[in-house]
Structures are given as structure tokens and as C-alpha cells.
Amino acid sequence: MISDVLATTCSLPPKAGRYDKAYIPTVGGVFPHVADKVVISGLVQKLTLLPGGHCLAVAGDLPPIIEFHKQLVQQSHDFHEMCKICLAFCYTIDFTLVVNDTPRDRRVTLASESCRRLQSDQYGLAIVGGSGESTIRSLLFKQQPLEIHGTAGLSKLSRAFFLVSEALDLDSRDPTQTIEKSFGGYYEIATYDGEKFFKFDRVAYHYVRLDTFGSESYWVLHKSIYHEYVNGDLIVRRVVWAREDNGGSVWQDCYLIGDLQRPADNARATEHIGNTVPSTDWEVVCFEAGHSKFRAVSAGRNLVKVWKQADRWFHETDTALMDEYVEAFIKATKSE
């Protein structure tokens, strides 16, 4: 299950001089304007783990989403009541709900009609809906034939991770395809572990590209996005790295994303961000050279090590692992 985090509402705020346009918040660092009939309310976790082991991804106007979520939480113990709630909202919002029907030992997918439009062999059943449907559909088809390297046994998870990596890059490169369609900003992933759904925590997305300086070419860690949950709030940090001998960073943006049930705890998040360097369990790396890309996903062995000293972040790369990735990239490029 993959969801973006942009929250929209159909109610436009009163116009007031130079504040008559709304900015779209996005972790990608691009802030285009919204026109017409919809305005971005902010960022919110729309991928929700419900009581009873169920998982919901939802899109649409924010007020009915909140009411839909509230009713599902209240009736999460009753499969038939949840079906009735879905029927009542199926023409109002876009949603996909996977119900963990424990007594019958099954998972049942309930979705609005707008979210039943795509099946892909590489991704299994991909249910797509919302304003960014064409973008996700395009990304799915572009990603499915491409090879992914990294930790063995992560093939299915790797495709989900790299789909998010590509969508994040698209947010900054071509926001007309994502956030200007009220879709994007950031993304979450949840999966079923055999008993319940869980969200992936402590994820790092790294972007490495081949840059030329004078007559020499170097692989440069360009930017990183760190993803972690703190007491249910999602904290996302975007770091753009400097090319300094001591590995210092240029700057970082920090985003706090709450859920549908309560406001985010800004004070706790601020303290955490100021005092803690995020740990990484999952690392997603995109290598880019010209028009060629190489993808790697790993668990347990990290390309990038980060630490904090005083008020500054520092980093170093695992040169041996970097060499392995580059060698695999060269082989993959030659075989194309």
C-alpha cells in the first residue's frame, strides 16, 4: 500500500491581496501555486493503520476523509459494518481499504470504483485513484521492467521503495505531473507481515549522480531524504550535501506530518530533530549518469553513514559498497 500525503479541500480561502494564492507544501522543495477550485490544506498521513489490523489509503476532499476514517475506526471490529461505511462513501472520496478478516483468515480489499483500474504483473494488483492517477500509472509501467539490485530477497519491497524514490524525484523535477495535480508532497509505504499491516520506518532515500569537475568525473551524493516515525508523527528531513573535505552538509529541510486523528506534536518533533540523527534500517539509492539510472535497495548495510557534531551533520560513504554498486551499474549499462 502506497499513499501520498497532500491533503486538499474544495473550500477556497478568502482572497486577500498578495495572499490570494496557496502554496503546495512538498518535501521536494518546490512550491508551485494552486489555481481554480482546490487548495492544498497541508500534509497529512493518509495511509492509516486501523484497529484490528486493517490498512486504509484514501484521497479526496479532507472533511469527508476525516469522517470516513472516524466511522471506520469506530466499526473496525465489524467487517459487515465496515462494508456499509465503504458503500456510503464510495462516490464521495477515493479509497482502498484492506480488511484483515481474522475469523475467516483472509484479507479483503474494498475500494471505490475509481481505484480499480490497473493490474500489473510486476506489482501484483495495483489499485490507483485520485488526481495523480495518470502519474502513478506512468511510473508503474516505466518501473516494472527495470532491474533492481541490493539485498537479496527484497524484490517486491524494492519495487515499492523505488517507485516512491522516483515519485519524490518527479515532485522536484516536474511538479506539473504530481503536486500541481494535488498529488505528492511525500509518500508512505505499508505492507502485511502475515498478521498485521505495518508502515516502513527509518528509511533513507539517497540520490547519487555522476558529475564532471574539469576533466574528471565523480560519483557525488547529491541529496538524501530521511523518513522516521516519532510517536506516530512522520518526520521527514531533506538534506542537500556539500562537496567539502569534512563532509559537512549545506542545509536540511524538516517536515512534520501528523495523522487524521490528532495534530502533530510540534514541540516533541522539534526537540527530536535538534538532538537526534535519524537511524536507517532501509536504504534506497538512485544512481544517475546522463539518461541512465541504476537502482539499489538494501537492509542492514548502508552506503551512507551520518553523525552529528555540535550543530552540524557529517557523512561518509562506504567506498567498498559504492564500488560494488558502480560495477553493477556499468554491467547493467553495457547489457542494455
Protein backbone atom coordinates (compact mmCIF):
# COMPACT_ATOMS: atom_id res chain seq x y z
CA MET A 1 0.00 0.00 0.00
CA ILE A 2 1.46 3.36 -1.06
CA SER A 3 -0.04 6.78 -0.41
CA ASP A 4 0.93 10.40 -0.88
CA VAL A 5 0.48 12.93 1.95
CA LEU A 6 -1.08 16.01 0.33
CA ALA A 7 -4.37 16.98 1.95
CA THR A 8 -6.82 19.00 -0.14
CA THR A 9 -10.11 20.76 0.39
CA CYS A 10 -12.61 22.16 -2.09
CA SER A 11 -13.20 25.28 0.01
CA LEU A 12 -11.02 28.12 -1.21
CA PRO A 13 -9.94 30.66 1.42
CA PRO A 14 -10.95 34.32 1.03
CA LYS A 15 -8.60 36.23 -1.25
CA ALA A 16 -6.52 38.88 0.47
CA GLY A 17 -4.14 40.79 -1.78
CA ARG A 18 -0.87 39.03 -2.38
CA TYR A 19 -2.07 36.07 -0.29
CA ASP A 20 -4.73 35.10 -2.81
CA LYS A 21 -2.74 32.08 -3.96
CA ALA A 22 -1.91 29.00 -1.92
CA TYR A 23 1.44 27.25 -1.88
CA ILE A 24 1.71 23.49 -2.12
CA PRO A 25 3.96 22.04 0.59
CA THR A 26 6.30 19.35 -0.67
CA VAL A 27 9.37 17.62 0.63
CA GLY A 28 10.84 18.01 -2.85
CA GLY A 29 11.47 21.68 -2.16
CA VAL A 30 9.27 23.07 -4.96
CA PHE A 31 6.39 25.41 -4.18
CA PRO A 32 4.09 25.93 -7.20
CA HIS A 33 0.74 27.67 -6.91
CA VAL A 34 -2.72 26.19 -6.92
CA ALA A 35 -5.33 27.67 -9.22
CA ASP A 36 -9.04 27.01 -9.68
CA LYS A 37 -11.24 25.01 -7.37
CA VAL A 38 -8.96 23.18 -4.98
CA VAL A 39 -6.43 24.38 -2.44
CA ILE A 40 -3.85 22.37 -0.53
CA SER A 41 -4.61 22.24 3.18
CA GLY A 42 -1.25 20.80 4.16
CA LEU A 43 0.48 17.47 4.64
CA VAL A 44 -1.20 14.60 6.46
CA GLN A 45 -0.73 10.85 6.73
CA LYS A 46 -3.48 9.37 4.56
CA LEU A 47 -2.11 5.84 4.83
CA THR A 48 -3.67 4.65 8.07
CA LEU A 49 -3.31 1.52 10.19
CA LEU A 50 -6.75 0.90 11.72
CA PRO A 51 -7.55 -1.11 14.86
CA GLY A 52 -7.94 -4.78 14.03
CA GLY A 53 -5.01 -4.90 11.61
CA HIS A 54 -6.70 -3.12 8.67
CA CYS A 55 -4.98 -0.67 6.33
CA LEU A 56 -6.52 2.35 4.56
CA ALA A 57 -5.23 4.61 1.78
CA VAL A 58 -7.53 7.50 0.92
CA ALA A 59 -7.68 10.60 -1.28
CA GLY A 60 -10.15 13.40 -1.93
CA ASP A 61 -11.67 16.30 -0.03
CA LEU A 62 -10.38 16.46 3.55
CA PRO A 63 -13.65 16.84 5.57
CA PRO A 64 -15.32 13.63 4.25
CA ILE A 65 -11.99 11.78 4.56
CA ILE A 66 -11.88 12.61 8.28
CA GLU A 67 -15.49 11.49 8.78
CA PHE A 68 -14.88 8.28 6.77
CA HIS A 69 -11.83 7.48 8.86
CA LYS A 70 -13.66 8.20 12.12
CA GLN A 71 -16.50 5.82 11.26
CA LEU A 72 -14.10 3.05 10.19
CA VAL A 73 -12.20 3.32 13.47
CA GLN A 74 -15.47 3.05 15.43
CA GLN A 75 -16.59 -0.04 13.50
CA SER A 76 -13.20 -1.65 12.89
CA HIS A 77 -14.25 -4.79 14.79
CA ASP A 78 -17.21 -5.48 12.47
CA PHE A 79 -16.49 -6.50 8.87
CA HIS A 80 -20.06 -6.01 7.65
CA GLU A 81 -20.35 -2.54 9.20
CA MET A 82 -17.09 -1.53 7.54
CA CYS A 83 -18.52 -2.68 4.20
CA LYS A 84 -21.59 -0.47 4.76
CA ILE A 85 -19.42 2.55 5.54
CA CYS A 86 -17.38 1.99 2.39
CA LEU A 87 -20.57 1.77 0.33
CA ALA A 88 -21.79 5.06 1.80
CA PHE A 89 -18.56 6.89 0.87
CA CYS A 90 -17.61 5.14 -2.38
CA TYR A 91 -18.79 8.01 -4.62
CA THR A 92 -17.55 10.79 -2.35
CA ILE A 93 -13.83 10.01 -1.95
CA ASP A 94 -11.19 7.70 -3.44
CA PHE A 95 -10.05 4.92 -1.14
CA THR A 96 -8.58 1.45 -0.86
CA LEU A 97 -9.18 -0.47 2.36
CA VAL A 98 -7.60 -3.87 3.03
CA VAL A 99 -9.56 -5.56 5.80
CA ASN A 100 -7.86 -8.19 7.92
CA ASP A 101 -10.81 -10.60 8.36
CA THR A 102 -9.23 -12.63 11.16
CA PRO A 103 -12.13 -15.09 11.86
CA ARG A 104 -12.05 -16.25 8.22
CA ASP A 105 -8.26 -15.96 7.90
CA ARG A 106 -8.41 -13.71 4.84
CA ARG A 107 -7.66 -10.20 3.63
CA VAL A 108 -10.44 -8.46 1.72
CA THR A 109 -9.86 -5.42 -0.48
CA LEU A 110 -12.64 -2.83 -0.52
CA ALA A 111 -12.17 0.09 -2.91
CA SER A 112 -14.07 2.89 -4.55
CA GLU A 113 -14.74 2.33 -8.24
CA SER A 114 -12.18 4.99 -9.11
CA CYS A 115 -9.45 2.80 -7.58
CA ARG A 116 -9.90 -0.42 -9.58
CA ARG A 117 -8.22 0.43 -12.84
CA LEU A 118 -4.83 -1.21 -13.20
CA GLN A 119 -3.31 -4.66 -12.93
CA SER A 120 0.40 -5.11 -13.41
CA ASP A 121 2.23 -8.45 -13.34
CA GLN A 122 5.32 -6.95 -11.73
CA TYR A 123 3.42 -5.21 -8.94
CA GLY A 124 0.56 -7.64 -8.47
CA LEU A 125 -2.73 -5.78 -8.18
CA ALA A 126 -2.05 -2.05 -8.30
CA ILE A 127 -5.11 -0.04 -7.31
CA VAL A 128 -4.83 3.55 -8.44
CA GLY A 129 -7.04 6.57 -7.86
CA GLY A 130 -7.08 10.26 -7.11
CA SER A 131 -5.89 13.24 -9.13
CA GLY A 132 -2.42 11.80 -9.71
CA GLU A 133 -3.64 8.54 -11.24
CA SER A 134 -2.01 9.14 -14.62
CA THR A 135 1.33 9.90 -12.97
CA ILE A 136 1.40 6.76 -10.84
CA ARG A 137 0.20 4.66 -13.79
CA SER A 138 3.04 6.02 -15.90
CA LEU A 139 5.62 5.43 -13.18
CA LEU A 140 4.40 1.88 -12.63
CA PHE A 141 4.78 0.95 -16.28
CA LYS A 142 8.20 2.60 -16.53
CA GLN A 143 9.50 0.85 -13.41
CA GLN A 144 8.21 -2.69 -13.86
CA PRO A 145 10.74 -3.94 -16.47
CA LEU A 146 13.77 -2.39 -14.76
CA GLU A 147 16.18 -4.41 -12.66
CA ILE A 148 16.83 -3.57 -9.01
CA HIS A 149 19.98 -4.56 -7.09
CA GLY A 150 20.80 -4.74 -3.40
CA THR A 151 19.91 -7.05 -0.54
CA ALA A 152 18.71 -10.44 -1.77
CA GLY A 153 15.07 -11.33 -1.09
CA LEU A 154 13.76 -7.76 -1.20
CA SER A 155 12.49 -7.79 -4.80
CA LYS A 156 8.83 -6.95 -4.10
CA LEU A 157 9.63 -4.41 -1.42
CA SER A 158 12.35 -2.94 -3.63
CA ARG A 159 9.85 -2.06 -6.33
CA ALA A 160 7.66 -0.22 -3.84
CA PHE A 161 10.65 1.64 -2.40
CA PHE A 162 11.96 2.64 -5.77
CA LEU A 163 8.55 3.71 -7.02
CA VAL A 164 8.49 6.18 -4.11
CA SER A 165 12.07 7.24 -4.86
CA GLU A 166 11.11 8.03 -8.45
CA ALA A 167 7.93 9.84 -7.41
CA LEU A 168 9.90 12.03 -4.98
CA ASP A 169 12.35 12.92 -7.72
CA LEU A 170 9.47 13.73 -10.06
CA ASP A 171 7.98 16.07 -7.43
CA SER A 172 11.02 18.31 -7.79
CA ARG A 173 11.77 17.79 -11.49
CA ASP A 174 8.27 18.10 -12.92
CA PRO A 175 5.69 19.17 -10.30
CA THR A 176 3.06 19.60 -13.04
CA GLN A 177 2.83 15.79 -13.07
CA THR A 178 2.43 15.42 -9.32
CA ILE A 179 1.88 18.18 -6.78
CA GLU A 180 0.11 20.53 -9.19
CA LYS A 181 -2.45 17.73 -9.57
CA SER A 182 -2.99 17.76 -5.78
CA PHE A 183 -0.89 14.61 -5.51
CA GLY A 184 2.54 14.03 -3.99
CA GLY A 185 4.43 16.03 -1.39
CA TYR A 186 5.77 12.85 0.15
CA TYR A 187 4.84 9.16 0.27
CA GLU A 188 4.34 6.33 2.76
CA ILE A 189 4.51 2.55 2.32
CA ALA A 190 2.74 -0.15 4.36
CA THR A 191 2.87 -3.93 3.95
CA TYR A 192 1.32 -7.05 5.51
CA ASP A 193 3.64 -9.22 7.61
CA GLY A 194 1.34 -12.25 7.91
CA GLU A 195 -0.56 -10.97 10.92
CA LYS A 196 -0.98 -7.22 10.52
CA PHE A 197 -0.03 -4.23 8.42
CA PHE A 198 2.88 -2.03 9.39
CA LYS A 199 4.48 1.10 7.95
CA PHE A 200 8.11 1.10 6.97
CA ASP A 201 10.14 3.17 9.40
CA ARG A 202 13.71 4.53 9.36
CA VAL A 203 14.06 4.75 5.57
CA ALA A 204 16.69 6.78 3.70
CA TYR A 205 16.36 7.76 0.03
CA HIS A 206 19.73 8.75 -1.46
CA TYR A 207 20.35 10.33 -4.88
CA VAL A 208 23.83 9.89 -6.35
CA ARG A 209 24.82 11.28 -9.73
CA LEU A 210 27.89 11.33 -11.94
CA ASP A 211 29.18 14.91 -12.05
CA THR A 212 32.10 16.29 -14.06
CA PHE A 213 34.63 18.66 -12.50
CA GLY A 214 37.18 19.84 -15.01
CA SER A 215 38.32 16.74 -16.86
CA GLU A 216 37.39 14.32 -14.07
CA SER A 217 34.07 12.61 -13.31
CA TYR A 218 32.98 11.73 -9.79
CA TRP A 219 30.03 9.99 -8.16
CA VAL A 220 28.51 12.63 -5.88
CA LEU A 221 25.92 12.14 -3.14
CA HIS A 222 23.60 14.96 -4.16
CA LYS A 223 20.70 14.78 -1.68
CA SER A 224 19.11 12.47 0.87
CA ILE A 225 15.63 12.19 2.33
CA TYR A 226 15.32 10.60 5.78
CA HIS A 227 11.98 9.17 6.94
CA GLU A 228 11.10 8.21 10.53
CA TYR A 229 8.07 7.99 12.82
CA VAL A 230 8.19 9.51 16.30
CA ASN A 231 5.14 8.73 18.47
CA GLY A 232 3.00 8.31 15.36
CA ASP A 233 4.15 11.55 13.71
CA LEU A 234 6.11 11.29 10.48
CA ILE A 235 9.33 13.33 10.39
CA VAL A 236 10.96 13.80 7.00
CA ARG A 237 14.31 15.54 6.58
CA ARG A 238 15.72 16.56 3.20
CA VAL A 239 19.49 17.05 3.23
CA VAL A 240 21.48 18.54 0.35
CA TRP A 241 25.13 17.56 0.81
CA ALA A 242 28.14 19.79 0.19
CA ARG A 243 31.30 18.70 -1.55
CA GLU A 244 33.54 19.51 1.40
CA ASP A 245 36.56 17.59 2.62
CA ASN A 246 35.00 17.23 6.04
CA GLY A 247 31.67 16.00 4.66
CA GLY A 248 29.53 18.80 6.08
CA SER A 249 26.01 19.44 4.80
CA VAL A 250 24.72 22.61 3.14
CA TRP A 251 21.32 22.59 4.80
CA GLN A 252 18.35 20.45 5.69
CA ASP A 253 14.60 20.96 5.49
CA CYS A 254 12.46 19.24 8.12
CA TYR A 255 8.79 18.35 7.70
CA LEU A 256 6.41 17.19 10.42
CA ILE A 257 3.40 15.22 9.14
CA GLY A 258 0.62 14.23 11.54
CA ASP A 259 -2.24 11.79 11.01
CA LEU A 260 -6.01 12.11 10.60
CA GLN A 261 -6.79 11.66 14.30
CA ARG A 262 -4.79 14.36 16.07
CA PRO A 263 -2.49 17.33 15.47
CA ALA A 264 1.21 16.61 15.22
CA ASP A 265 3.31 17.22 18.34
CA ASN A 266 5.47 20.08 17.12
CA ALA A 267 7.37 20.58 20.39
CA ARG A 268 8.43 16.93 20.64
CA ALA A 269 9.37 16.82 16.95
CA THR A 270 11.47 19.98 17.24
CA GLU A 271 13.38 18.52 20.19
CA HIS A 272 13.89 15.22 18.37
CA ILE A 273 15.12 16.87 15.17
CA GLY A 274 17.52 19.11 17.09
CA ASN A 275 19.09 16.30 19.12
CA THR A 276 18.86 13.14 17.02
CA VAL A 277 20.43 11.92 13.81
CA PRO A 278 17.98 9.52 12.13
CA SER A 279 18.90 5.85 12.12
CA THR A 280 18.44 3.88 8.91
CA ASP A 281 17.04 0.35 8.56
CA TRP A 282 16.19 0.62 4.85
CA GLU A 283 18.30 2.41 2.27
CA VAL A 284 17.09 3.23 -1.25
CA VAL A 285 19.76 4.53 -3.64
CA CYS A 286 19.33 6.01 -7.11
CA PHE A 287 22.47 6.36 -9.24
CA GLU A 288 22.11 8.62 -12.26
CA ALA A 289 24.54 9.15 -15.15
CA GLY A 290 23.14 11.15 -18.05
CA HIS A 291 19.94 9.38 -19.11
CA SER A 292 20.84 6.11 -17.36
CA LYS A 293 19.70 5.13 -13.87
CA PHE A 294 20.71 2.34 -11.53
CA ARG A 295 18.65 1.34 -8.51
CA ALA A 296 19.68 -0.38 -5.28
CA VAL A 297 17.72 -1.22 -2.13
CA SER A 298 19.37 -2.61 0.98
CA ALA A 299 18.52 -3.61 4.52
CA GLY A 300 21.29 -3.71 7.11
CA ARG A 301 24.23 -2.49 5.03
CA ASN A 302 24.24 1.24 4.40
CA LEU A 303 26.08 3.20 1.75
CA VAL A 304 25.87 6.43 3.78
CA LYS A 305 26.86 6.87 7.42
CA VAL A 306 25.69 10.05 9.18
CA TRP A 307 26.65 11.58 12.51
CA LYS A 308 26.17 14.88 14.33
CA GLN A 309 28.84 17.01 15.96
CA ALA A 310 27.76 20.19 17.74
CA ASP A 311 25.16 21.69 15.39
CA ARG A 312 26.50 20.18 12.19
CA TRP A 313 25.83 16.95 10.32
CA PHE A 314 28.61 14.95 8.73
CA HIS A 315 28.60 11.97 6.44
CA GLU A 316 30.83 9.43 4.80
CA THR A 317 30.18 6.78 2.17
CA ASP A 318 31.13 3.13 2.28
CA THR A 319 33.64 3.15 -0.59
CA ALA A 320 33.67 -0.64 -0.93
CA LEU A 321 29.89 -0.77 -1.29
CA MET A 322 29.98 2.21 -3.65
CA ASP A 323 32.46 0.33 -5.86
CA GLU A 324 30.16 -2.71 -5.90
CA TYR A 325 27.21 -0.59 -6.97
CA VAL A 326 29.18 1.24 -9.65
CA GLU A 327 30.50 -2.04 -11.06
CA ALA A 328 26.95 -3.40 -11.22
CA PHE A 329 25.80 -0.14 -12.86
CA ILE A 330 28.47 -0.46 -15.56
CA LYS A 331 27.49 -4.08 -16.26
CA ALA A 332 23.80 -3.16 -16.42
CA THR A 333 24.51 -0.28 -18.80
CA LYS A 334 26.56 -2.46 -21.12
CA SER A 335 23.79 -5.08 -21.29
CA GLU A 336 21.13 -2.55 -22.33
